[in-house]
Amino acid sequence: MKNELQLIAVKELNHYDDMYKIVDFLNKNLSNMNLVFGLTEKEGKDMLSIYKES
């Protein structure tokens, strides 16, 4: 059975070079809570997304 991701929240932030390290830290330490964090860049801004695994 394939796990599905449900988008919980998205936050637009000013670009920060080390933001990927924060996202990696969150994914490693909160995986047992079925949360997945994503990071994308759009027009010079960072978009931080939180997903819940079902």
C-alpha atoms as a PDB file:
ATOM      1  CA  MET A   1       0.000   0.000   0.000  1.00  0.00           C
ATOM      2  CA  LYS A   2       1.352   3.395  -1.015  1.00  0.00           C
ATOM      3  CA  ASN A   3       1.490   6.171   1.584  1.00  0.00           C
ATOM      4  CA  GLU A   4      -0.285   9.374   0.606  1.00  0.00           C
ATOM      5  CA  LEU A   5       0.755  12.854   1.678  1.00  0.00           C
ATOM      6  CA  GLN A   6      -1.807  15.383   2.848  1.00  0.00           C
ATOM      7  CA  LEU A   7      -0.705  19.013   2.681  1.00  0.00           C
ATOM      8  CA  ILE A   8      -1.193  20.650   6.085  1.00  0.00           C
ATOM      9  CA  ALA A   9       0.446  24.066   5.699  1.00  0.00           C
ATOM     10  CA  VAL A  10       2.670  26.209   3.484  1.00  0.00           C
ATOM     11  CA  LYS A  11       4.681  29.215   4.630  1.00  0.00           C
ATOM     12  CA  GLU A  12       6.527  31.668   2.395  1.00  0.00           C
ATOM     13  CA  LEU A  13       9.813  32.876   3.869  1.00  0.00           C
ATOM     14  CA  ASN A  14      12.699  35.067   2.816  1.00  0.00           C
ATOM     15  CA  HIS A  15      15.447  33.009   1.217  1.00  0.00           C
ATOM     16  CA  TYR A  16      17.905  31.533   3.715  1.00  0.00           C
ATOM     17  CA  ASP A  17      20.867  29.557   2.355  1.00  0.00           C
ATOM     18  CA  ASP A  18      20.818  26.922   5.114  1.00  0.00           C
ATOM     19  CA  MET A  19      17.050  26.368   5.185  1.00  0.00           C
ATOM     20  CA  TYR A  20      17.535  22.904   3.669  1.00  0.00           C
ATOM     21  CA  LYS A  21      19.457  21.929   6.818  1.00  0.00           C
ATOM     22  CA  ILE A  22      16.473  22.877   8.977  1.00  0.00           C
ATOM     23  CA  VAL A  23      14.118  20.867   6.765  1.00  0.00           C
ATOM     24  CA  ASP A  24      16.473  17.883   6.876  1.00  0.00           C
ATOM     25  CA  PHE A  25      16.673  18.151  10.689  1.00  0.00           C
ATOM     26  CA  LEU A  26      12.868  18.263  10.995  1.00  0.00           C
ATOM     27  CA  ASN A  27      12.393  15.283   8.664  1.00  0.00           C
ATOM     28  CA  LYS A  28      14.946  13.172  10.553  1.00  0.00           C
ATOM     29  CA  ASN A  29      13.596  13.985  14.010  1.00  0.00           C
ATOM     30  CA  LEU A  30       9.843  14.065  13.396  1.00  0.00           C
ATOM     31  CA  SER A  31       9.445  11.125  11.005  1.00  0.00           C
ATOM     32  CA  ASN A  32       7.929   9.028  13.801  1.00  0.00           C
ATOM     33  CA  MET A  33       5.025  11.525  13.893  1.00  0.00           C
ATOM     34  CA  ASN A  34       4.280  10.842  10.188  1.00  0.00           C
ATOM     35  CA  LEU A  35       5.228  14.389   9.212  1.00  0.00           C
ATOM     36  CA  VAL A  36       7.175  15.273   6.082  1.00  0.00           C
ATOM     37  CA  PHE A  37       8.657  18.713   5.455  1.00  0.00           C
ATOM     38  CA  GLY A  38       9.367  20.066   2.001  1.00  0.00           C
ATOM     39  CA  LEU A  39      11.248  23.065   0.668  1.00  0.00           C
ATOM     40  CA  THR A  40      10.894  24.734  -2.697  1.00  0.00           C
ATOM     41  CA  GLU A  41      12.102  28.034  -4.075  1.00  0.00           C
ATOM     42  CA  LYS A  42       9.760  30.338  -5.959  1.00  0.00           C
ATOM     43  CA  GLU A  43      10.691  33.793  -7.227  1.00  0.00           C
ATOM     44  CA  GLY A  44      13.530  34.206  -4.716  1.00  0.00           C
ATOM     45  CA  LYS A  45      11.435  33.067  -1.746  1.00  0.00           C
ATOM     46  CA  ASP A  46      11.540  29.783   0.147  1.00  0.00           C
ATOM     47  CA  MET A  47       8.285  27.843   0.442  1.00  0.00           C
ATOM     48  CA  LEU A  48       8.213  25.553   3.476  1.00  0.00           C
ATOM     49  CA  SER A  49       5.529  22.857   3.275  1.00  0.00           C
ATOM     50  CA  ILE A  50       4.303  20.443   5.951  1.00  0.00           C
ATOM     51  CA  TYR A  51       2.672  17.175   4.971  1.00  0.00           C
ATOM     52  CA  LYS A  52       1.036  14.404   7.004  1.00  0.00           C
ATOM     53  CA  GLU A  53       1.625  10.816   5.851  1.00  0.00           C
ATOM     54  CA  SER A  54      -1.403   8.560   5.854  1.00  0.00           C
END
